C-alpha cells in the first residue's frame, strides 16, 4: 500500500486505466473464448488486473508524494524484482529437479496431463531462464542504470508496468504449458497472444532505458549499460522475428508459424542461440561488470578490453545459431559459417572472463573471505569454461558425437547454473543490504551454505552429464564386425540410469542452496540489523561504488 502512495496522482490514474483495460480484455477472452484454453488465460488476466486495481482505487485520492523523492533513487521496483527472482528460482528449480527424478523413475508423477514430462520440462526452462533470469536482469538493470547514470528513473509507473507485465507473461507461459498451450519451439513456447503482450512490455522497457540514459548526469556511459542495452534491443528483435505467426482465430490459443521446414529450423536456432547470447550472456555480463568491481573494491582491469569484448560478442554471436543444425538439410556453407564464427567467438568471450578475473588481482583475500564475491568469481570461471566448451562443440566432427546427447544438456547447465545463476545470486546478495538499508545479509553462514551447495550441485550435475553424453555418443556409433549397431537405443537408456541419479542429486543440492537464499532474504528484510544512518542515506549523486567502477587505464 505504501508503494501506491509514492506514485503521483497522474501515475495512479494511469495505472488504474491500464489495469481496467487489461481487465476488460481478459473478460472478453474469458467469455468469448469459452471452450478454448485461451479463456483460462483471459480469466487469469482479468483476476490479476482487478486484484491490483482495487488497492489503487482505495488510494486514488491520497496526497501527492513529497518532492524529496527526487533526491534519492527509485528502488521499490528493484526490491520487488529481487523478491520475485528468488521466488521464481525456488519454483523453477523445484520443477527442474522433479523432471530430473522423472528421468530416473518415470512413475513419480500424477495421472494429470499437466504433470507429464513434456509439459513440466518447458515450465522448468521458462521458469529458470525467463522467470528467474529475466527478473534478475530487470531488477539489477533498474539498480545499475540509476547508479551509473546518477539519475533517478524518469517516472514511477513505467518500471512497475515492465516488472508486473513481464511476470504476467511468465505466468501465462508456465500455466499455458500445463494446459497444453505451446508453439513447440525451444525457449519460445508461449503462444501468439503472450508473445504480443511481451512485445508491448519490452518496448516500454527499452524506452524506459533510453529515457534514463538521455537524462543522465554522468557524461560517460559505463560498460554495464552497453551490455544491458544490447540485451534489451536484440532480444526484442529475436522475439519478434522468431514468433511471427498466424493465429487460427483471435479466440483460439493455437497459431501457425510463418516459417516452415528448414527455414523454420534456422530461424528458431538463430533465435535460440542468440537468446543464449543476449539474454543469458550480454545481460549478465552487465551484472558482472558492475557488481564484481564494487564488491572487490577494485577498478575494472581494462575498460578498453570490455568494449572490445562487447563489440566482438555483439557482432559474432549473431551468426553462430546454425551450428545447432550440423548434419541436417541446412546448406553446408551455412553450417560452416556457424561453426567458424563459433570458434572466433572464443576471443571476445574469454576477454570478458579474463577481464573479470584480472580485476580481482589484489583482492583475492576478499574472495577467500566473502562468499558473495566468490559467487561472482566462480561465475567468471564458468563463463570462460562454457564458452570454450561451446566453441569446441560447434566443430562439426565433435558435434557428430555430442549432439542429441546429454553432453549438450550438461553444457547448457554448466552455463545456466555455473554462470547465470552464480552471477545472479552474487549480484543479489550484494544488492539486498544496500536496497533494504541493512548492514549486511542476516546470515553470512547461510550465504556460505548457499555457495557450497550451488557449487557442489553444479559440479555433480555437469560431470554426470558430461560422462553420460560421451557414453551415449560412443554407444550410438559403435558397430559390430558385421556392420550392425552394437547397442540398441534401449541399451543406452539403461546405461544412463546412474548418471541420471547423480544429475537429480546435483539439482537437489542446487535447489537447497536456492531455498537457503530465500530464507536469508526473508530474514534480512525482517530481522537484519539496520545500516548506520550515514551509510543508509544514499544520495542521488555520489552513490556507493561510483569510484570503484572506473577502469585502471
Protein backbone atom coordinates (compact mmCIF):
# COMPACT_ATOMS: atom_id res chain seq x y z
CA UNK A 1 0.00 0.00 0.00
CA UNK A 2 2.84 2.36 0.81
CA UNK A 3 4.20 1.83 -2.71
CA UNK A 4 0.93 3.17 -4.18
CA UNK A 5 1.21 6.31 -2.08
CA UNK A 6 4.62 7.07 -3.59
CA UNK A 7 3.01 7.33 -7.04
CA UNK A 8 1.76 10.72 -8.20
CA UNK A 9 -1.97 11.23 -8.78
CA UNK A 10 -1.39 11.09 -12.54
CA UNK A 11 0.58 7.84 -12.21
CA UNK A 12 -2.17 6.26 -10.10
CA UNK A 13 -4.77 7.27 -12.66
CA UNK A 14 -2.60 5.91 -15.47
CA UNK A 15 -2.06 2.63 -13.63
CA UNK A 16 -5.79 2.30 -12.96
CA UNK A 17 -6.61 2.94 -16.63
CA UNK A 18 -4.11 0.29 -17.77
CA UNK A 19 -5.49 -2.25 -15.31
CA UNK A 20 -9.11 -1.58 -16.31
CA UNK A 21 -8.23 -2.06 -19.99
CA UNK A 22 -6.45 -5.31 -19.09
CA UNK A 23 -9.46 -6.46 -17.07
CA UNK A 24 -11.81 -5.79 -20.00
CA UNK A 25 -9.54 -7.60 -22.46
CA UNK A 26 -9.29 -10.52 -20.04
CA UNK A 27 -13.07 -10.57 -19.62
CA UNK A 28 -13.54 -10.62 -23.40
CA UNK A 29 -11.23 -13.62 -23.88
CA UNK A 30 -12.70 -15.41 -20.85
CA UNK A 31 -16.25 -15.04 -22.18
CA UNK A 32 -15.83 -15.20 -25.96
CA UNK A 33 -13.12 -17.87 -25.87
CA UNK A 34 -15.27 -20.36 -23.97
CA UNK A 35 -14.21 -23.92 -24.76
CA UNK A 36 -10.64 -22.92 -25.68
CA UNK A 37 -7.68 -22.76 -23.24
CA UNK A 38 -7.36 -19.04 -24.06
CA UNK A 39 -10.44 -18.49 -21.87
CA UNK A 40 -8.50 -19.65 -18.81
CA UNK A 41 -5.80 -17.10 -19.51
CA UNK A 42 -8.42 -14.42 -20.09
CA UNK A 43 -9.82 -15.11 -16.64
CA UNK A 44 -6.31 -15.08 -15.17
CA UNK A 45 -5.53 -11.67 -16.71
CA UNK A 46 -8.84 -10.25 -15.51
CA UNK A 47 -8.33 -11.56 -11.96
CA UNK A 48 -4.79 -10.16 -11.73
CA UNK A 49 -5.84 -6.77 -13.13
CA UNK A 50 -8.73 -6.43 -10.70
CA UNK A 51 -6.60 -7.58 -7.76
CA UNK A 52 -4.18 -4.73 -8.49
CA UNK A 53 -6.88 -2.18 -9.40
CA UNK A 54 -8.80 -2.26 -6.11
CA UNK A 55 -5.87 -1.16 -3.88
CA UNK A 56 -5.10 1.67 -6.32
CA UNK A 57 -8.74 2.85 -6.27
CA UNK A 58 -8.65 2.84 -2.47
CA UNK A 59 -5.69 5.26 -2.52
CA UNK A 60 -6.54 7.26 -5.60
CA UNK A 61 -7.08 10.44 -3.60
CA UNK A 62 -4.00 10.15 -1.38
CA UNK A 63 -1.83 13.29 -1.20
CA UNK A 64 0.89 13.85 -3.77
CA UNK A 65 4.24 12.31 -2.74
CA UNK A 66 6.86 14.65 -1.31
CA UNK A 67 9.27 16.38 -3.66
CA UNK A 68 12.08 14.92 -1.54
CA UNK A 69 11.74 11.71 -3.52
CA UNK A 70 13.75 13.32 -6.34
CA UNK A 71 16.83 13.35 -4.12
CA UNK A 72 17.01 9.55 -3.93
CA UNK A 73 16.92 6.66 -6.36
CA UNK A 74 13.64 4.88 -7.02
CA UNK A 75 14.31 1.35 -5.78
CA UNK A 76 10.85 -0.01 -4.96
CA UNK A 77 10.53 -1.92 -8.28
CA UNK A 78 14.04 -3.28 -7.80
CA UNK A 79 13.13 -4.61 -4.35
CA UNK A 80 10.07 -6.42 -5.67
CA UNK A 81 12.13 -7.69 -8.62
CA UNK A 82 14.70 -9.17 -6.23
CA UNK A 83 11.98 -10.98 -4.27
CA UNK A 84 10.38 -12.29 -7.47
CA UNK A 85 13.78 -13.52 -8.67
CA UNK A 86 14.15 -15.70 -5.58
CA UNK A 87 10.53 -16.90 -5.82
CA UNK A 88 10.98 -17.96 -9.45
CA UNK A 89 14.30 -19.61 -8.56
CA UNK A 90 12.66 -21.79 -5.89
CA UNK A 91 9.69 -22.71 -8.09
CA UNK A 92 11.55 -23.36 -11.35
CA UNK A 93 14.41 -25.29 -9.75
CA UNK A 94 11.93 -27.45 -7.84
CA UNK A 95 10.15 -28.31 -11.11
CA UNK A 96 13.54 -28.93 -12.76
CA UNK A 97 14.60 -31.39 -10.09
CA UNK A 98 11.23 -33.10 -10.28
CA UNK A 99 11.75 -33.53 -14.03
CA UNK A 100 15.26 -34.87 -13.36
CA UNK A 101 13.88 -37.51 -11.00
CA UNK A 102 11.28 -38.45 -13.64
CA UNK A 103 14.21 -39.42 -15.86
CA UNK A 104 15.24 -41.85 -13.10
CA UNK A 105 11.77 -43.09 -12.17
CA UNK A 106 9.04 -42.10 -14.67
CA UNK A 107 6.24 -43.14 -12.30
CA UNK A 108 7.00 -40.31 -9.86
CA UNK A 109 4.24 -38.16 -11.27
CA UNK A 110 0.45 -37.87 -11.26
CA UNK A 111 -2.20 -39.01 -13.71
CA UNK A 112 -2.89 -35.42 -14.72
CA UNK A 113 -1.71 -34.37 -18.16
CA UNK A 114 -0.29 -31.16 -16.65
CA UNK A 115 2.37 -33.16 -14.79
CA UNK A 116 3.72 -35.07 -17.78
CA UNK A 117 7.39 -34.65 -18.68
CA UNK A 118 6.51 -32.86 -21.92
CA UNK A 119 4.63 -30.14 -20.04
CA UNK A 120 6.80 -29.81 -16.95
CA UNK A 121 10.06 -29.54 -18.86
CA UNK A 122 9.23 -26.16 -20.52
CA UNK A 123 7.80 -24.98 -17.19
CA UNK A 124 11.29 -25.53 -15.78
CA UNK A 125 13.20 -23.95 -18.67
CA UNK A 126 10.92 -20.91 -18.93
CA UNK A 127 10.80 -20.53 -15.15
CA UNK A 128 14.59 -20.58 -14.83
CA UNK A 129 15.55 -18.60 -17.94
CA UNK A 130 12.76 -16.04 -18.08
CA UNK A 131 11.30 -16.13 -14.57
CA UNK A 132 14.49 -16.31 -12.53
CA UNK A 133 16.96 -14.89 -15.04
CA UNK A 134 14.65 -12.26 -16.51
CA UNK A 135 13.56 -10.85 -13.16
CA UNK A 136 17.18 -10.76 -12.04
CA UNK A 137 18.11 -8.81 -15.17
CA UNK A 138 15.23 -6.34 -14.86
CA UNK A 139 15.83 -5.74 -11.15
CA UNK A 140 19.58 -5.25 -11.45
CA UNK A 141 19.27 -3.15 -14.61
CA UNK A 142 16.99 -0.70 -12.77
CA UNK A 143 19.53 -0.58 -9.95
CA UNK A 144 22.63 -0.27 -12.14
CA UNK A 145 21.41 2.29 -14.66
CA UNK A 146 20.39 4.71 -11.90
CA UNK A 147 23.76 4.46 -10.14
CA UNK A 148 25.90 4.62 -13.27
CA UNK A 149 23.85 7.48 -14.74
CA UNK A 150 23.49 9.23 -11.34
CA UNK A 151 19.88 9.96 -12.10
CA UNK A 152 16.53 8.74 -10.83
CA UNK A 153 14.24 6.73 -13.12
CA UNK A 154 12.28 9.19 -15.30
CA UNK A 155 8.91 8.14 -13.84
CA UNK A 156 7.49 5.67 -11.34
CA UNK A 157 4.81 3.96 -13.44
CA UNK A 158 6.92 2.57 -16.30
CA UNK A 159 9.18 0.35 -14.15
CA UNK A 160 6.13 -1.15 -12.44
CA UNK A 161 4.48 -1.80 -15.80
CA UNK A 162 7.64 -3.54 -17.02
CA UNK A 163 8.06 -5.65 -13.91
CA UNK A 164 4.43 -6.69 -13.43
CA UNK A 165 3.79 -7.02 -17.16
CA UNK A 166 6.83 -9.22 -17.60
CA UNK A 167 5.81 -11.51 -14.75
CA UNK A 168 2.33 -11.75 -16.25
CA UNK A 169 3.98 -13.01 -19.44
CA UNK A 170 5.94 -15.63 -17.44
CA UNK A 171 2.75 -16.66 -15.65
CA UNK A 172 0.85 -17.02 -18.94
CA UNK A 173 3.73 -19.09 -20.30
CA UNK A 174 4.08 -21.64 -17.49
CA UNK A 175 0.34 -22.05 -16.88
CA UNK A 176 -0.13 -22.37 -20.63
CA UNK A 177 2.29 -25.30 -20.82
CA UNK A 178 0.34 -27.09 -18.11
CA UNK A 179 -2.85 -26.52 -20.13
CA UNK A 180 -1.17 -27.84 -23.28
CA UNK A 181 -0.69 -24.42 -24.92
CA UNK A 182 2.64 -24.37 -26.73
CA UNK A 183 4.27 -23.43 -30.04
CA UNK A 184 6.71 -26.33 -29.56
CA UNK A 185 9.69 -24.05 -30.18
CA UNK A 186 12.67 -24.36 -27.86
CA UNK A 187 12.77 -21.38 -25.45
CA UNK A 188 9.91 -19.80 -27.42
CA UNK A 189 6.96 -21.98 -26.42
CA UNK A 190 4.37 -19.29 -25.42
CA UNK A 191 1.60 -18.71 -27.95
CA UNK A 192 0.81 -15.63 -30.03
CA UNK A 193 -1.16 -13.55 -27.50
CA UNK A 194 1.51 -13.95 -24.79
CA UNK A 195 4.15 -13.03 -27.36
CA UNK A 196 2.25 -9.88 -28.35
CA UNK A 197 1.96 -8.86 -24.70
CA UNK A 198 5.70 -9.29 -24.22
CA UNK A 199 6.38 -7.03 -27.22
CA UNK A 200 4.39 -4.25 -25.51
CA UNK A 201 6.17 -4.76 -22.19
CA UNK A 202 9.60 -4.97 -23.81
CA UNK A 203 9.03 -1.79 -25.83
CA UNK A 204 8.23 0.11 -22.63
CA UNK A 205 11.37 -1.39 -21.04
CA UNK A 206 13.53 -0.24 -23.96
CA UNK A 207 12.05 3.26 -23.96
CA UNK A 208 12.49 3.49 -20.18
CA UNK A 209 16.16 2.61 -20.50
CA UNK A 210 16.69 5.18 -23.27
CA UNK A 211 14.89 7.88 -21.28
CA UNK A 212 17.10 7.20 -18.26
CA UNK A 213 20.28 7.34 -20.32
CA UNK A 214 19.12 10.56 -22.01
CA UNK A 215 18.65 12.22 -18.61
CA UNK A 216 21.95 11.02 -17.14
CA UNK A 217 24.14 13.41 -15.17
CA UNK A 218 27.20 11.24 -15.74
CA UNK A 219 28.62 12.06 -19.22
CA UNK A 220 30.17 8.62 -19.62
CA UNK A 221 28.00 5.57 -20.34
CA UNK A 222 29.52 2.83 -18.21
CA UNK A 223 30.08 -0.50 -19.98
CA UNK A 224 27.44 -2.36 -17.93
CA UNK A 225 24.82 -0.22 -19.65
CA UNK A 226 26.17 -1.19 -23.08
CA UNK A 227 25.58 -4.85 -22.24
CA UNK A 228 22.14 -4.26 -20.73
CA UNK A 229 21.10 -2.23 -23.78
CA UNK A 230 22.30 -4.95 -26.18
CA UNK A 231 20.31 -7.47 -24.16
CA UNK A 232 17.10 -5.40 -24.36
CA UNK A 233 17.39 -4.39 -28.02
CA UNK A 234 18.49 -7.69 -29.57
CA UNK A 235 16.10 -9.84 -27.53
CA UNK A 236 13.25 -7.70 -28.89
CA UNK A 237 14.40 -8.32 -32.45
CA UNK A 238 14.85 -12.06 -31.89
CA UNK A 239 11.49 -12.43 -30.17
CA UNK A 240 9.53 -10.62 -32.87
CA UNK A 241 11.07 -12.41 -35.87
CA UNK A 242 11.03 -15.92 -34.44
CA UNK A 243 7.45 -15.64 -33.20
CA UNK A 244 5.88 -14.35 -36.42
CA UNK A 245 2.76 -16.49 -36.61
CA UNK A 246 -0.87 -16.50 -37.76
CA UNK A 247 -3.42 -17.47 -35.08
CA UNK A 248 -6.12 -19.95 -36.03
CA UNK A 249 -8.56 -17.28 -34.80
CA UNK A 250 -8.42 -14.41 -32.35
CA UNK A 251 -10.34 -16.55 -29.88
CA UNK A 252 -8.01 -19.55 -30.13
CA UNK A 253 -4.74 -20.12 -28.35
CA UNK A 254 -3.37 -22.00 -31.36
CA UNK A 255 -1.30 -20.38 -34.10
CA UNK A 256 0.83 -21.48 -37.06
CA UNK A 257 4.37 -20.22 -37.62
CA UNK A 258 5.07 -18.01 -40.62
CA UNK A 259 8.08 -20.24 -41.38
CA UNK A 260 8.21 -23.91 -42.30
CA UNK A 261 10.70 -26.68 -42.89
CA UNK A 262 14.39 -25.87 -42.78
CA UNK A 263 13.62 -22.12 -42.75
CA UNK A 264 11.70 -22.59 -39.51
CA UNK A 265 14.58 -24.59 -38.02
CA UNK A 266 17.14 -21.98 -39.00
CA UNK A 267 15.01 -19.10 -37.67
CA UNK A 268 14.39 -20.98 -34.43
CA UNK A 269 18.08 -21.63 -33.78
CA UNK A 270 19.06 -18.15 -34.87
CA UNK A 271 16.70 -17.13 -32.07
CA UNK A 272 17.68 -19.95 -29.71
CA UNK A 273 21.42 -19.40 -29.70
CA UNK A 274 21.08 -15.63 -29.66
CA UNK A 275 18.78 -15.96 -26.67
CA UNK A 276 21.82 -17.59 -25.07
CA UNK A 277 23.97 -14.74 -26.41
CA UNK A 278 21.93 -11.71 -25.48
CA UNK A 279 19.62 -12.91 -22.73
CA UNK A 280 21.90 -15.33 -20.91
CA UNK A 281 25.23 -13.67 -21.71
CA UNK A 282 25.06 -9.97 -22.54
CA UNK A 283 22.66 -9.01 -19.75
CA UNK A 284 24.55 -10.99 -17.14
CA UNK A 285 27.86 -9.50 -18.27
CA UNK A 286 26.22 -6.17 -17.41
CA UNK A 287 25.79 -7.53 -13.88
CA UNK A 288 29.37 -8.78 -13.79
CA UNK A 289 30.92 -5.51 -14.92
CA UNK A 290 29.06 -3.51 -12.28
CA UNK A 291 28.88 -5.70 -9.19
CA UNK A 292 32.24 -7.50 -9.27
CA UNK A 293 34.46 -4.36 -9.23
CA UNK A 294 32.34 -2.76 -6.50
CA UNK A 295 32.29 -5.87 -4.32
CA UNK A 296 36.03 -6.38 -4.80
CA UNK A 297 36.76 -2.70 -4.20
CA UNK A 298 38.94 -2.74 -7.30
CA UNK A 299 38.66 -0.86 -10.62
CA UNK A 300 37.77 -2.92 -13.65
CA UNK A 301 41.05 -4.26 -15.04
CA UNK A 302 40.62 -2.93 -18.57
CA UNK A 303 37.78 -0.77 -19.80
CA UNK A 304 39.08 -0.98 -23.37
CA UNK A 305 39.06 -4.77 -23.22
CA UNK A 306 35.43 -4.73 -22.04
CA UNK A 307 34.41 -2.61 -25.05
CA UNK A 308 36.35 -4.81 -27.50
CA UNK A 309 34.63 -7.83 -25.95
CA UNK A 310 31.24 -6.11 -26.24
CA UNK A 311 31.52 -5.46 -29.97
CA UNK A 312 33.02 -8.90 -30.63
CA UNK A 313 30.17 -10.65 -28.82
CA UNK A 314 27.51 -8.41 -30.36
CA UNK A 315 28.69 -9.00 -33.93
CA UNK A 316 29.88 -12.61 -33.86
CA UNK A 317 27.12 -14.21 -31.80
CA UNK A 318 24.53 -13.29 -34.43
CA UNK A 319 25.99 -15.82 -36.88
CA UNK A 320 26.51 -18.94 -34.79
CA UNK A 321 22.99 -20.42 -34.43
CA UNK A 322 23.40 -22.74 -37.42
CA UNK A 323 25.92 -24.87 -35.51
CA UNK A 324 22.84 -26.45 -33.88
CA UNK A 325 21.89 -27.83 -37.30
CA UNK A 326 25.02 -29.70 -38.38
CA UNK A 327 24.32 -32.81 -40.47
CA UNK A 328 20.81 -31.61 -41.39
CA UNK A 329 19.16 -30.28 -44.56
CA UNK A 330 20.65 -26.84 -43.91
CA UNK A 331 23.11 -25.85 -46.68
CA UNK A 332 26.69 -26.89 -45.89
CA UNK A 333 28.04 -23.35 -46.24
CA UNK A 334 25.56 -22.08 -43.61
CA UNK A 335 26.66 -24.82 -41.21
CA UNK A 336 30.31 -23.94 -41.84
CA UNK A 337 29.61 -20.24 -41.28
CA UNK A 338 28.08 -21.01 -37.89
CA UNK A 339 30.99 -23.26 -36.92
CA UNK A 340 33.59 -20.66 -37.96
CA UNK A 341 32.04 -17.79 -36.05
CA UNK A 342 31.56 -20.07 -33.03
CA UNK A 343 35.31 -20.66 -32.92
CA UNK A 344 36.18 -16.97 -33.42
CA UNK A 345 33.69 -16.07 -30.67
CA UNK A 346 36.04 -17.59 -28.13
CA UNK A 347 38.23 -14.45 -28.31
CA UNK A 348 35.70 -11.85 -27.05
CA UNK A 349 34.17 -14.33 -24.62
CA UNK A 350 37.46 -15.15 -22.94
CA UNK A 351 38.33 -11.44 -22.96
CA UNK A 352 35.41 -10.77 -20.62
CA UNK A 353 36.20 -13.79 -18.42
CA UNK A 354 39.86 -12.76 -18.17
CA UNK A 355 38.91 -9.13 -17.52
CA UNK A 356 36.77 -10.20 -14.58
CA UNK A 357 39.42 -12.46 -13.04
CA UNK A 358 42.22 -9.91 -13.55
CA UNK A 359 40.07 -7.33 -11.78
CA UNK A 360 40.42 -9.49 -8.67
CA UNK A 361 44.21 -9.01 -8.60
CA UNK A 362 44.97 -7.58 -5.19
CA UNK A 363 41.61 -8.72 -3.83
CA UNK A 364 41.95 -12.49 -3.67
CA UNK A 365 41.88 -12.34 0.12
CA UNK A 366 38.38 -10.93 -0.20
CA UNK A 367 37.38 -13.83 -2.44
CA UNK A 368 38.56 -16.19 0.28
CA UNK A 369 36.54 -14.46 2.99
CA UNK A 370 33.47 -13.17 1.10
CA UNK A 371 31.05 -15.77 -0.27
CA UNK A 372 29.18 -13.11 -2.24
CA UNK A 373 32.32 -12.19 -4.16
CA UNK A 374 33.11 -15.88 -4.53
CA UNK A 375 29.79 -16.35 -6.34
CA UNK A 376 30.93 -13.75 -8.86
CA UNK A 377 34.42 -15.21 -9.23
CA UNK A 378 33.09 -18.73 -9.86
CA UNK A 379 30.62 -17.27 -12.36
CA UNK A 380 33.52 -15.76 -14.34
CA UNK A 381 35.34 -19.12 -14.28
CA UNK A 382 32.27 -21.00 -15.53
CA UNK A 383 31.68 -18.34 -18.18
CA UNK A 384 35.16 -18.96 -19.55
CA UNK A 385 34.71 -22.74 -19.29
CA UNK A 386 31.32 -22.90 -21.00
CA UNK A 387 32.26 -20.53 -23.83
CA UNK A 388 35.31 -22.69 -24.58
CA UNK A 389 33.15 -25.82 -24.48
CA UNK A 390 30.51 -24.22 -26.72
CA UNK A 391 33.07 -23.27 -29.35
CA UNK A 392 34.57 -26.77 -29.17
CA UNK A 393 31.17 -28.48 -29.53
CA UNK A 394 30.38 -26.34 -32.60
CA UNK A 395 33.11 -28.12 -34.60
CA UNK A 396 31.30 -30.44 -36.99
CA UNK A 397 33.24 -33.59 -36.09
CA UNK A 398 32.79 -33.00 -32.34
CA UNK A 399 29.14 -32.15 -32.88
CA UNK A 400 28.63 -35.53 -34.56
CA UNK A 401 29.47 -37.13 -31.21
CA UNK A 402 27.89 -34.64 -28.82
CA UNK A 403 24.65 -33.57 -30.50
CA UNK A 404 21.37 -35.11 -29.28
CA UNK A 405 23.21 -36.49 -26.23
CA UNK A 406 23.20 -35.43 -22.59
CA UNK A 407 26.58 -33.77 -23.13
CA UNK A 408 24.62 -30.84 -24.60
CA UNK A 409 22.36 -30.80 -21.54
CA UNK A 410 25.43 -30.77 -19.29
CA UNK A 411 26.94 -27.92 -21.31
CA UNK A 412 23.75 -25.88 -21.04
CA UNK A 413 23.60 -26.36 -17.28
CA UNK A 414 27.27 -25.51 -16.81
CA UNK A 415 26.29 -22.13 -18.24
CA UNK A 416 22.89 -21.87 -16.55
CA UNK A 417 24.00 -22.95 -13.06
CA UNK A 418 27.68 -22.07 -13.06
CA UNK A 419 27.47 -18.75 -14.92
CA UNK A 420 23.94 -17.30 -14.96
CA UNK A 421 22.74 -18.41 -11.53
CA UNK A 422 26.06 -17.77 -9.78
CA UNK A 423 26.43 -14.18 -11.04
CA UNK A 424 22.75 -13.53 -10.30
CA UNK A 425 22.93 -14.76 -6.72
CA UNK A 426 26.19 -12.89 -6.15
CA UNK A 427 24.73 -9.66 -7.53
CA UNK A 428 21.55 -10.01 -5.48
CA UNK A 429 23.46 -10.72 -2.28
CA UNK A 430 25.45 -7.54 -2.92
CA UNK A 431 22.29 -5.51 -3.63
CA UNK A 432 19.98 -6.69 -0.84
CA UNK A 433 21.71 -4.92 2.10
CA UNK A 434 22.02 -1.73 0.02
CA UNK A 435 18.36 -1.81 -1.04
CA UNK A 436 16.88 -2.52 2.37
CA UNK A 437 19.49 -0.40 4.19
CA UNK A 438 20.87 -3.28 6.21
CA UNK A 439 24.40 -3.55 7.50
CA UNK A 440 24.82 -6.96 5.84
CA UNK A 441 22.87 -10.11 4.99
CA UNK A 442 21.19 -11.56 8.06
CA UNK A 443 23.31 -14.71 7.98
CA UNK A 444 26.75 -14.93 6.42
CA UNK A 445 26.67 -18.64 7.22
CA UNK A 446 23.60 -19.10 5.00
CA UNK A 447 25.37 -17.29 2.16
CA UNK A 448 28.33 -19.66 2.63
CA UNK A 449 26.00 -22.65 2.73
CA UNK A 450 24.27 -21.47 -0.44
CA UNK A 451 27.59 -21.04 -2.23
CA UNK A 452 28.89 -24.51 -1.42
CA UNK A 453 25.56 -26.21 -2.16
CA UNK A 454 25.39 -24.38 -5.50
CA UNK A 455 28.98 -25.22 -6.42
CA UNK A 456 28.66 -28.86 -5.36
CA UNK A 457 25.32 -29.21 -7.16
CA UNK A 458 26.72 -27.70 -10.36
CA UNK A 459 29.82 -29.90 -10.29
CA UNK A 460 27.85 -33.12 -9.68
CA UNK A 461 25.28 -32.23 -12.33
CA UNK A 462 27.73 -31.22 -15.04
CA UNK A 463 30.26 -34.00 -14.56
CA UNK A 464 27.47 -36.60 -14.53
CA UNK A 465 26.08 -35.40 -17.84
CA UNK A 466 29.47 -34.94 -19.46
CA UNK A 467 30.08 -38.64 -18.81
CA UNK A 468 26.55 -39.60 -19.80
CA UNK A 469 26.70 -37.70 -23.08
CA UNK A 470 30.06 -39.10 -24.19
CA UNK A 471 28.93 -42.65 -23.35
CA UNK A 472 25.69 -42.12 -25.29
CA UNK A 473 27.54 -40.76 -28.33
CA UNK A 474 30.00 -43.64 -28.32
CA UNK A 475 27.31 -46.30 -27.85
CA UNK A 476 25.26 -44.90 -30.75
CA UNK A 477 28.19 -45.06 -33.15
CA UNK A 478 29.72 -48.43 -32.13
CA UNK A 479 29.36 -51.16 -34.77
CA UNK A 480 29.94 -54.90 -34.77
CA UNK A 481 32.23 -56.69 -37.24
CA UNK A 482 29.15 -57.26 -39.41
CA UNK A 483 28.42 -53.56 -39.64
CA UNK A 484 25.40 -53.64 -37.31
CA UNK A 485 24.90 -51.36 -34.33
CA UNK A 486 26.45 -52.95 -31.24
CA UNK A 487 23.89 -51.39 -28.87
CA UNK A 488 20.19 -50.68 -29.15
CA UNK A 489 18.84 -47.31 -28.10
CA UNK A 490 17.30 -49.01 -25.06
CA UNK A 491 20.77 -50.22 -24.04
CA UNK A 492 21.98 -46.62 -23.93
CA UNK A 493 18.94 -45.60 -21.86
CA UNK A 494 19.66 -48.32 -19.28
CA UNK A 495 23.33 -47.26 -19.13
CA UNK A 496 22.27 -43.71 -18.25
CA UNK A 497 20.47 -44.55 -15.00
CA UNK A 498 23.38 -43.94 -12.54
CA UNK A 499 24.24 -40.68 -14.27
CA UNK A 500 20.62 -39.54 -14.16
CA UNK A 501 20.55 -40.27 -10.42
CA UNK A 502 23.68 -38.15 -9.99
CA UNK A 503 22.13 -35.38 -12.12
CA UNK A 504 18.99 -35.34 -9.95
CA UNK A 505 21.09 -35.25 -6.75
CA UNK A 506 23.12 -32.35 -8.14
CA UNK A 507 19.92 -30.50 -9.00
CA UNK A 508 18.59 -31.14 -5.50
CA UNK A 509 21.73 -29.64 -3.95
CA UNK A 510 21.35 -26.54 -6.12
CA UNK A 511 17.66 -26.26 -5.17
CA UNK A 512 18.51 -26.49 -1.46
CA UNK A 513 21.01 -23.67 -1.93
CA UNK A 514 18.33 -21.51 -3.59
CA UNK A 515 15.95 -22.22 -0.70
CA UNK A 516 18.68 -21.17 1.75
CA UNK A 517 18.92 -17.93 -0.24
CA UNK A 518 15.14 -17.40 0.01
CA UNK A 519 15.30 -17.88 3.78
CA UNK A 520 18.23 -15.48 4.09
CA UNK A 521 16.39 -12.86 2.02
CA UNK A 522 13.35 -13.07 4.30
CA UNK A 523 15.44 -12.90 7.46
CA UNK A 524 17.44 -9.95 6.12
CA UNK A 525 14.34 -7.94 5.26
CA UNK A 526 12.61 -8.68 8.55
CA UNK A 527 15.32 -9.01 11.17
CA UNK A 528 18.78 -7.88 9.97
CA UNK A 529 20.43 -5.00 11.78
CA UNK A 530 19.94 -1.66 10.00
CA UNK A 531 22.95 0.01 8.47
CA UNK A 532 24.42 3.06 10.21
CA UNK A 533 22.46 6.14 9.18
CA UNK A 534 25.36 7.68 7.30
CA UNK A 535 25.66 4.57 5.13
CA UNK A 536 21.92 4.05 4.68
CA UNK A 537 21.33 7.58 3.41
CA UNK A 538 22.32 7.19 -0.23
CA UNK A 539 22.12 10.48 -2.09
CA UNK A 540 21.28 10.51 -5.75
CA UNK A 541 24.76 11.75 -6.58
CA UNK A 542 27.93 10.08 -5.32
CA UNK A 543 26.31 6.68 -4.88
CA UNK A 544 28.12 3.78 -3.29
CA UNK A 545 30.75 2.35 -5.57
CA UNK A 546 30.99 5.18 -8.08
CA UNK A 547 34.78 5.26 -7.76
CA UNK A 548 35.19 1.50 -7.85
CA UNK A 549 33.80 1.04 -11.34
CA UNK A 550 36.32 3.31 -13.01
CA UNK A 551 38.87 1.46 -15.19
CA UNK A 552 42.57 1.14 -14.45
CA UNK A 553 43.76 2.95 -17.56
